[in-house]
Amino acid sequence: MHETTLLLIEVGALLLGMSLLGRLALAFGISPIPFYLVLGLAFGEGGFIALDASEEFFQTGAEIGVILLLALLGLEYTASELFGSLKSARTAGLIDAALNALPGAALALLLGWGPVAAVAMAGVTWVSSSGVIAKLLRDLGRLSNRETPAILALLVIEDLAMAFYLPVLSALVVGMSLMQGAVSVAIAVSVVAVILYVALRHGHIVSRLFPADHYEPLLLGVLGLTMLVAGLAAEVSVSAAVGAFLVGIALSGRVAANASQVLTPLRDLFAAIFFVFFGLTTDSSALLSMLPAALALALVTIITKLITGAYAARRAGVGTLGQWRAGLSLAPRGEFSIVIAGLAVGSGVVAPELAPLATGYVLITIVAGTFLARVPDALWFRAAVRRRRAASGASPVPPTA
């Protein structure tokens, strides 16, 4: 069979399967993310049938999906709102780094994998998945919630921190000199500073580049700028997601509103592809041996994310239920964790078992986080919070808190 024909069959079959699973998720009233992951696992390495012809297509689509998720998330906020949240979340960002990086580093040392693996595992457990969380917030209708800016601030701080972390990790795994590592970090930080400056000071000029009322050139222009900035950011070891998010922040007014409208169908398509691709690239047969360690690590770091998310929301003046929503929403890890594990294991200086451990850990946190994020909206949970506040003598939680 011709390769292009096989590609069309594989992609068509997977998209149809995704549609059916999405409908099933709607029937149960839950996010489709776990279903997409299971579909990818079923047809990835170690699954029932390996789909090789479509792997490159889904890889590219997955990258575009993360970029669009963050770009549209950025369109929901202004630059002043972002910087206000970043300022208020600085302390929470430091607590987040300490509480969530230490468990991963400690486990690597306990397993005898050495200090380089400890640095890598610290990154795996530290950084939440911007792509997964952005979709969760949208699926749960929380983009306008009071705790959402605090969540976004932590995500942006983590992604910006990767501009420092990734060059340092690269230097450790490949034996790069201190000077080369310092140059890489300096370039990455400079690019972030330029993007932030343009977004804050000249966002109105960027918006004028696009016709707000003509959807075709608006779609092409905003999508082109987003992918261009994301690609340039990635080239200098800055998160492509950060670049895309800041493009969304830079746009305002009717341009932002209409761009969000025309890009939404593309985001939905490629975001779903991102989750399926994650499953496709996971060797399900290699997960079993590292599953106990991954489960233990996931349990610890879901709790530490709950602490840091709740702390950030509380400092932003959010109520008790909002603090729970913020903490539990931050549980999923994703794209960065896999990139970090791949970089470390690919160097040959880190134990190869780190890869299946990281993969199992990410899968557990995504699936668990998808369900845990819904818990604060459950009637029994809200009633329990009200009873606890009443017992402590605090004012009652309003129904919409």
Protein backbone atom coordinates (compact mmCIF):
# COMPACT_ATOMS: atom_id res chain seq x y z
CA MET A 1 0.00 0.00 0.00
CA HIS A 2 1.26 3.49 -0.86
CA GLU A 3 2.61 5.40 2.15
CA THR A 4 0.30 8.38 1.61
CA THR A 5 -2.72 6.06 1.35
CA LEU A 6 -1.72 4.33 4.59
CA LEU A 7 -1.27 7.71 6.26
CA LEU A 8 -4.79 8.78 5.29
CA ILE A 9 -6.27 5.52 6.56
CA GLU A 10 -4.46 5.68 9.90
CA VAL A 11 -5.23 9.35 10.50
CA GLY A 12 -8.85 8.93 9.44
CA ALA A 13 -9.36 5.91 11.67
CA LEU A 14 -7.80 7.64 14.68
CA LEU A 15 -9.82 10.83 14.19
CA LEU A 16 -13.01 8.79 13.91
CA GLY A 17 -12.09 6.88 17.06
CA MET A 18 -11.37 10.16 18.85
CA SER A 19 -14.80 11.45 17.86
CA LEU A 20 -16.54 8.36 19.25
CA LEU A 21 -14.53 8.51 22.48
CA GLY A 22 -15.24 12.23 22.81
CA ARG A 23 -18.96 11.50 22.54
CA LEU A 24 -18.58 8.79 25.19
CA ALA A 25 -16.84 11.27 27.49
CA LEU A 26 -19.69 13.74 27.01
CA ALA A 27 -22.18 11.02 27.96
CA PHE A 28 -20.29 10.48 31.23
CA GLY A 29 -19.83 14.22 31.76
CA ILE A 30 -16.03 14.03 32.01
CA SER A 31 -13.03 15.35 30.08
CA PRO A 32 -12.07 13.28 26.99
CA ILE A 33 -8.34 13.52 27.81
CA PRO A 34 -8.04 10.06 29.49
CA PHE A 35 -9.88 8.46 26.55
CA TYR A 36 -7.50 10.05 24.04
CA LEU A 37 -4.51 8.80 26.04
CA VAL A 38 -5.87 5.25 26.15
CA LEU A 39 -6.52 5.34 22.40
CA GLY A 40 -2.91 6.36 21.80
CA LEU A 41 -1.62 3.62 24.12
CA ALA A 42 -3.71 1.02 22.31
CA PHE A 43 -2.09 1.82 18.97
CA GLY A 44 1.37 2.92 20.07
CA GLU A 45 4.51 1.02 20.98
CA GLY A 46 3.54 -2.12 22.90
CA GLY A 47 -0.11 -1.71 21.94
CA PHE A 48 -2.35 -3.84 19.75
CA ILE A 49 -1.20 -2.38 16.43
CA ALA A 50 1.66 0.08 15.91
CA LEU A 51 0.65 2.90 13.57
CA ASP A 52 3.92 3.95 11.99
CA ALA A 53 2.83 5.86 8.88
CA SER A 54 1.00 8.59 10.84
CA GLU A 55 3.55 9.09 13.63
CA GLU A 56 5.26 12.10 12.03
CA PHE A 57 1.89 13.70 11.24
CA PHE A 58 0.71 13.32 14.83
CA GLN A 59 4.03 14.57 16.19
CA THR A 60 3.74 17.81 14.22
CA GLY A 61 0.05 18.11 15.08
CA ALA A 62 0.82 17.62 18.77
CA GLU A 63 3.32 20.50 18.74
CA ILE A 64 0.80 22.75 17.02
CA GLY A 65 -1.83 21.68 19.57
CA VAL A 66 0.21 22.85 22.56
CA ILE A 67 0.99 26.12 20.80
CA LEU A 68 -2.69 26.81 20.03
CA LEU A 69 -3.83 25.86 23.53
CA LEU A 70 -1.52 28.43 25.06
CA ALA A 71 -2.10 31.08 22.41
CA LEU A 72 -5.86 31.04 22.96
CA LEU A 73 -5.35 31.01 26.70
CA GLY A 74 -3.26 34.15 26.29
CA LEU A 75 -6.05 35.80 24.28
CA GLU A 76 -8.24 35.65 27.40
CA TYR A 77 -5.95 38.02 29.34
CA THR A 78 -4.26 41.38 28.96
CA ALA A 79 -0.58 42.07 29.54
CA SER A 80 -1.34 44.11 32.68
CA GLU A 81 -3.37 41.23 34.15
CA LEU A 82 -0.53 38.82 33.44
CA PHE A 83 2.15 40.95 35.03
CA GLY A 84 -0.03 41.66 38.04
CA SER A 85 -0.47 37.91 38.54
CA LEU A 86 3.24 37.24 38.04
CA LYS A 87 4.18 39.78 40.70
CA SER A 88 1.76 38.33 43.22
CA ALA A 89 2.88 34.74 42.46
CA ARG A 90 6.65 35.18 42.86
CA THR A 91 6.77 33.62 46.33
CA ALA A 92 4.38 30.88 45.28
CA GLY A 93 6.65 30.14 42.32
CA LEU A 94 9.64 29.61 44.61
CA ILE A 95 7.61 27.35 46.91
CA ASP A 96 6.34 25.49 43.86
CA ALA A 97 9.91 24.85 42.65
CA ALA A 98 11.13 23.65 46.05
CA LEU A 99 8.21 21.40 46.96
CA ASN A 100 7.80 19.77 43.55
CA ALA A 101 11.41 19.43 42.37
CA LEU A 102 12.72 17.82 45.56
CA PRO A 103 10.61 14.59 45.42
CA GLY A 104 11.86 13.77 41.92
CA ALA A 105 15.47 14.46 42.79
CA ALA A 106 15.21 12.44 46.00
CA LEU A 107 13.74 9.41 44.20
CA ALA A 108 16.53 9.44 41.59
CA LEU A 109 19.16 9.47 44.34
CA LEU A 110 17.36 6.70 46.27
CA LEU A 111 17.37 4.55 43.13
CA GLY A 112 21.11 5.14 42.77
CA TRP A 113 20.90 6.95 39.43
CA GLY A 114 23.31 9.74 40.36
CA PRO A 115 23.22 13.56 40.53
CA VAL A 116 22.57 14.21 36.81
CA ALA A 117 19.49 11.99 36.91
CA ALA A 118 18.44 13.80 40.10
CA VAL A 119 18.54 17.14 38.26
CA ALA A 120 16.52 15.64 35.40
CA MET A 121 13.89 14.08 37.68
CA ALA A 122 13.60 17.37 39.57
CA GLY A 123 12.45 18.97 36.32
CA VAL A 124 10.11 16.08 35.50
CA THR A 125 8.18 16.48 38.77
CA TRP A 126 8.40 20.26 39.00
CA VAL A 127 6.72 21.51 35.82
CA SER A 128 2.98 21.12 35.31
CA SER A 129 1.59 20.64 31.80
CA SER A 130 0.42 23.94 30.35
CA GLY A 131 -1.30 22.12 27.48
CA VAL A 132 -3.28 19.70 29.64
CA ILE A 133 -4.25 22.33 32.20
CA ALA A 134 -5.30 24.83 29.53
CA LYS A 135 -7.69 22.23 28.09
CA LEU A 136 -8.97 21.29 31.54
CA LEU A 137 -9.75 24.91 32.39
CA ARG A 138 -11.61 25.31 29.12
CA ASP A 139 -13.50 22.02 29.40
CA LEU A 140 -14.58 22.85 32.96
CA GLY A 141 -15.60 26.41 32.07
CA ARG A 142 -13.12 28.01 34.48
CA LEU A 143 -11.35 30.52 32.25
CA SER A 144 -13.14 33.40 34.00
CA ASN A 145 -12.80 31.99 37.53
CA ARG A 146 -11.01 34.06 40.17
CA GLU A 147 -8.34 31.39 40.73
CA THR A 148 -7.43 31.04 37.04
CA PRO A 149 -4.99 34.01 36.91
CA ALA A 150 -3.10 32.48 39.85
CA ILE A 151 -2.93 29.13 38.02
CA LEU A 152 -1.70 30.81 34.84
CA ALA A 153 0.89 32.82 36.75
CA LEU A 154 2.42 29.63 38.19
CA LEU A 155 2.38 27.96 34.76
CA VAL A 156 4.09 30.93 33.14
CA ILE A 157 6.70 31.11 35.92
CA GLU A 158 7.44 27.40 35.45
CA ASP A 159 7.70 27.71 31.68
CA LEU A 160 9.91 30.79 31.95
CA ALA A 161 12.11 28.95 34.44
CA MET A 162 12.70 26.33 31.75
CA ALA A 163 14.67 28.99 29.88
CA PHE A 164 17.26 28.60 32.66
CA TYR A 165 16.75 24.94 33.47
CA LEU A 166 16.99 23.32 30.02
CA PRO A 167 20.35 24.86 29.05
CA VAL A 168 21.75 23.87 32.45
CA LEU A 169 20.51 20.28 32.07
CA SER A 170 21.89 20.16 28.52
CA ALA A 171 25.25 21.31 29.82
CA LEU A 172 25.25 18.56 32.45
CA VAL A 173 24.27 15.69 30.16
CA VAL A 174 26.58 16.55 27.25
CA GLY A 175 29.50 17.89 29.27
CA MET A 176 29.12 21.46 27.98
CA SER A 177 31.50 24.01 29.45
CA LEU A 178 30.31 26.52 32.05
CA MET A 179 30.80 29.37 29.57
CA GLN A 180 28.72 27.65 26.87
CA GLY A 181 25.95 26.99 29.37
CA ALA A 182 25.99 30.61 30.53
CA VAL A 183 25.75 31.86 26.93
CA SER A 184 22.74 29.59 26.26
CA VAL A 185 20.97 30.87 29.36
CA ALA A 186 21.75 34.51 28.49
CA ILE A 187 20.33 34.12 24.97
CA ALA A 188 17.18 32.44 26.25
CA VAL A 189 16.57 35.10 28.90
CA SER A 190 17.14 37.90 26.37
CA VAL A 191 14.55 36.45 24.00
CA VAL A 192 11.99 36.15 26.81
CA ALA A 193 12.67 39.74 27.88
CA VAL A 194 12.13 41.02 24.32
CA ILE A 195 8.85 39.11 23.92
CA LEU A 196 7.61 40.35 27.30
CA TYR A 197 8.54 43.95 26.46
CA VAL A 198 6.71 43.85 23.11
CA ALA A 199 3.65 42.23 24.68
CA LEU A 200 3.44 44.81 27.48
CA ARG A 201 4.45 48.03 25.73
CA HIS A 202 3.55 47.54 22.08
CA GLY A 203 0.72 45.03 22.05
CA HIS A 204 -1.66 47.60 20.53
CA ILE A 205 0.70 47.99 17.55
CA VAL A 206 0.81 44.22 17.05
CA SER A 207 -3.00 44.12 17.04
CA ARG A 208 -3.12 46.67 14.22
CA LEU A 209 -1.31 44.25 11.92
CA PHE A 210 -4.48 42.15 11.58
CA PRO A 211 -7.95 43.01 10.21
CA ALA A 212 -10.40 42.26 13.01
CA ASP A 213 -13.45 41.86 10.75
CA HIS A 214 -11.95 39.78 7.92
CA TYR A 215 -11.63 36.26 9.23
CA GLU A 216 -9.44 34.64 6.60
CA PRO A 217 -6.48 37.08 6.79
CA LEU A 218 -7.02 37.32 10.56
CA LEU A 219 -6.77 33.54 10.93
CA LEU A 220 -3.70 33.26 8.71
CA GLY A 221 -1.96 36.24 10.28
CA VAL A 222 -2.47 35.36 13.94
CA LEU A 223 -1.70 31.68 13.36
CA GLY A 224 1.41 32.59 11.37
CA LEU A 225 2.70 35.03 13.99
CA THR A 226 2.01 32.56 16.81
CA MET A 227 3.88 29.71 15.14
CA LEU A 228 6.74 32.01 14.08
CA VAL A 229 7.30 33.36 17.59
CA ALA A 230 6.88 29.88 19.11
CA GLY A 231 9.45 28.46 16.70
CA LEU A 232 11.96 31.25 17.33
CA ALA A 233 11.51 30.82 21.08
CA ALA A 234 12.10 27.07 20.85
CA GLU A 235 15.22 27.64 18.76
CA VAL A 236 16.88 29.45 21.67
CA SER A 237 15.74 26.90 24.29
CA VAL A 238 12.72 28.90 25.44
CA SER A 239 9.37 27.13 25.70
CA ALA A 240 7.42 27.39 22.46
CA ALA A 241 4.32 27.44 24.67
CA VAL A 242 5.57 30.61 26.41
CA GLY A 243 6.12 32.29 23.05
CA ALA A 244 2.61 31.38 21.90
CA PHE A 245 1.05 32.48 25.20
CA LEU A 246 2.73 35.89 25.00
CA VAL A 247 1.53 36.40 21.42
CA GLY A 248 -1.99 35.88 22.73
CA ILE A 249 -1.33 38.34 25.56
CA ALA A 250 -0.06 40.95 23.07
CA LEU A 251 -3.30 40.96 21.06
CA SER A 252 -6.26 42.92 22.38
CA GLY A 253 -9.70 44.27 21.59
CA ARG A 254 -11.76 42.93 18.71
CA VAL A 255 -8.68 41.35 17.14
CA ALA A 256 -8.23 39.14 20.20
CA ALA A 257 -11.95 38.30 20.43
CA ASN A 258 -12.33 37.39 16.76
CA ALA A 259 -8.99 35.58 16.62
CA SER A 260 -10.15 33.40 19.50
CA GLN A 261 -13.33 32.61 17.58
CA VAL A 262 -11.62 31.58 14.33
CA LEU A 263 -8.79 29.65 16.00
CA THR A 264 -10.98 27.63 18.37
CA PRO A 265 -11.81 24.80 15.91
CA LEU A 266 -8.11 24.42 15.04
CA ARG A 267 -7.21 24.34 18.72
CA ASP A 268 -9.78 21.64 19.42
CA LEU A 269 -8.45 19.46 16.59
CA PHE A 270 -4.75 19.76 17.35
CA ALA A 271 -5.16 19.66 21.13
CA ALA A 272 -6.88 16.29 20.80
CA ILE A 273 -4.05 15.13 18.53
CA PHE A 274 -1.54 16.16 21.21
CA PHE A 275 -3.03 13.77 23.76
CA VAL A 276 -3.33 10.89 21.32
CA PHE A 277 0.29 11.37 20.20
CA PHE A 278 1.42 11.23 23.82
CA GLY A 279 -0.13 7.78 24.09
CA LEU A 280 1.21 6.69 20.69
CA THR A 281 4.80 7.39 21.71
CA THR A 282 4.50 5.57 25.04
CA ASP A 283 5.73 1.98 25.21
CA SER A 284 3.03 0.48 27.40
CA SER A 285 5.02 -2.73 27.92
CA ALA A 286 7.92 -0.81 29.53
CA LEU A 287 5.71 0.94 32.08
CA LEU A 288 4.89 -2.02 34.30
CA SER A 289 8.26 -2.37 36.05
CA MET A 290 8.36 1.32 37.03
CA LEU A 291 4.66 1.65 37.87
CA PRO A 292 4.98 1.36 41.69
CA ALA A 293 7.63 4.10 41.82
CA ALA A 294 5.60 6.26 39.44
CA LEU A 295 2.46 5.85 41.56
CA ALA A 296 4.26 6.79 44.76
CA LEU A 297 5.88 9.81 43.13
CA ALA A 298 2.56 10.91 41.64
CA LEU A 299 0.82 10.71 45.02
CA VAL A 300 3.48 12.85 46.72
CA THR A 301 3.66 15.50 44.00
CA ILE A 302 -0.10 15.79 43.54
CA ILE A 303 -0.17 16.78 47.22
CA THR A 304 2.72 19.24 46.82
CA LYS A 305 1.02 20.84 43.79
CA LEU A 306 -2.17 21.12 45.82
CA ILE A 307 -0.23 23.01 48.49
CA THR A 308 1.44 25.42 46.07
CA GLY A 309 -1.69 26.05 43.98
CA ALA A 310 -3.81 26.68 47.07
CA TYR A 311 -1.14 29.02 48.45
CA ALA A 312 -0.99 31.03 45.21
CA ALA A 313 -4.78 31.32 45.06
CA ARG A 314 -5.02 32.34 48.72
CA ARG A 315 -2.46 35.12 48.21
CA ALA A 316 -4.63 36.33 45.32
CA GLY A 317 -7.62 36.59 47.68
CA VAL A 318 -9.45 33.51 46.36
CA GLY A 319 -11.83 31.59 48.61
CA THR A 320 -11.46 28.04 49.92
CA LEU A 321 -13.10 26.24 47.00
CA GLY A 322 -11.07 28.27 44.53
CA GLN A 323 -7.90 27.30 46.38
CA TRP A 324 -8.80 23.62 46.04
CA ARG A 325 -9.57 24.11 42.35
CA ALA A 326 -6.23 25.82 41.79
CA GLY A 327 -4.21 23.16 43.60
CA LEU A 328 -5.88 20.15 42.01
CA SER A 329 -5.83 21.70 38.53
CA LEU A 330 -2.02 21.88 38.65
CA ALA A 331 -1.58 18.11 39.16
CA PRO A 332 -1.00 17.04 35.51
CA ARG A 333 2.53 16.94 34.16
CA GLY A 334 3.11 16.56 30.44
CA GLU A 335 5.14 17.80 27.51
CA PHE A 336 8.08 19.30 29.43
CA SER A 337 8.46 16.23 31.63
CA ILE A 338 8.74 13.99 28.57
CA VAL A 339 11.19 16.37 26.85
CA ILE A 340 13.38 16.46 29.96
CA ALA A 341 13.36 12.66 30.32
CA GLY A 342 14.17 12.20 26.63
CA LEU A 343 17.05 14.68 26.81
CA ALA A 344 18.52 12.98 29.88
CA VAL A 345 18.20 9.38 28.67
CA GLY A 346 19.26 10.21 25.12
CA SER A 347 22.62 11.45 26.38
CA GLY A 348 23.55 7.95 27.55
CA VAL A 349 24.79 9.19 30.93
CA VAL A 350 21.52 8.58 32.79
CA ALA A 351 19.88 5.25 33.65
CA PRO A 352 17.50 4.24 30.81
CA GLU A 353 14.83 3.34 33.39
CA LEU A 354 14.26 7.06 33.88
CA ALA A 355 12.26 7.23 30.62
CA PRO A 356 9.52 4.68 31.51
CA LEU A 357 9.37 6.09 35.05
CA ALA A 358 8.76 9.59 33.70
CA THR A 359 6.23 8.35 31.15
CA GLY A 360 4.25 6.35 33.71
CA TYR A 361 4.38 9.28 36.12
CA VAL A 362 3.06 11.71 33.50
CA LEU A 363 0.25 9.37 32.46
CA ILE A 364 -0.82 8.87 36.09
CA THR A 365 -0.83 12.59 36.86
CA ILE A 366 -2.75 13.44 33.69
CA VAL A 367 -5.45 10.84 34.29
CA ALA A 368 -5.67 11.52 38.04
CA GLY A 369 -5.53 15.28 37.54
CA THR A 370 -8.33 15.18 34.98
CA PHE A 371 -10.67 13.64 37.56
CA LEU A 372 -9.33 15.43 40.65
CA ALA A 373 -9.84 18.84 39.02
CA ARG A 374 -13.58 18.18 39.04
CA VAL A 375 -13.77 17.25 42.73
CA PRO A 376 -14.17 20.83 44.13
CA ASP A 377 -17.31 21.25 41.99
CA ALA A 378 -18.99 18.17 43.46
CA LEU A 379 -21.91 18.88 45.79
CA TRP A 380 -20.56 16.61 48.54
CA PHE A 381 -17.21 18.40 48.50
CA ARG A 382 -18.76 21.86 48.62
CA ALA A 383 -20.97 20.77 51.50
CA ALA A 384 -17.94 19.38 53.37
CA VAL A 385 -16.09 22.69 52.94
CA ARG A 386 -19.09 24.62 54.27
CA ARG A 387 -19.38 22.34 57.28
CA ARG A 388 -15.70 22.74 58.07
CA ARG A 389 -15.89 26.53 57.78
CA ALA A 390 -19.01 26.62 59.94
CA ALA A 391 -17.30 24.48 62.58
CA SER A 392 -14.31 26.84 62.61
CA GLY A 393 -16.55 29.90 62.91
CA ALA A 394 -15.60 31.34 59.52
CA SER A 395 -18.08 32.96 57.19
CA PRO A 396 -19.95 30.47 54.95
CA VAL A 397 -18.77 29.74 51.44
CA PRO A 398 -21.10 31.24 48.82
CA PRO A 399 -22.57 28.75 46.31
CA THR A 400 -20.49 30.26 43.45
CA ALA A 401 -17.15 30.44 45.30
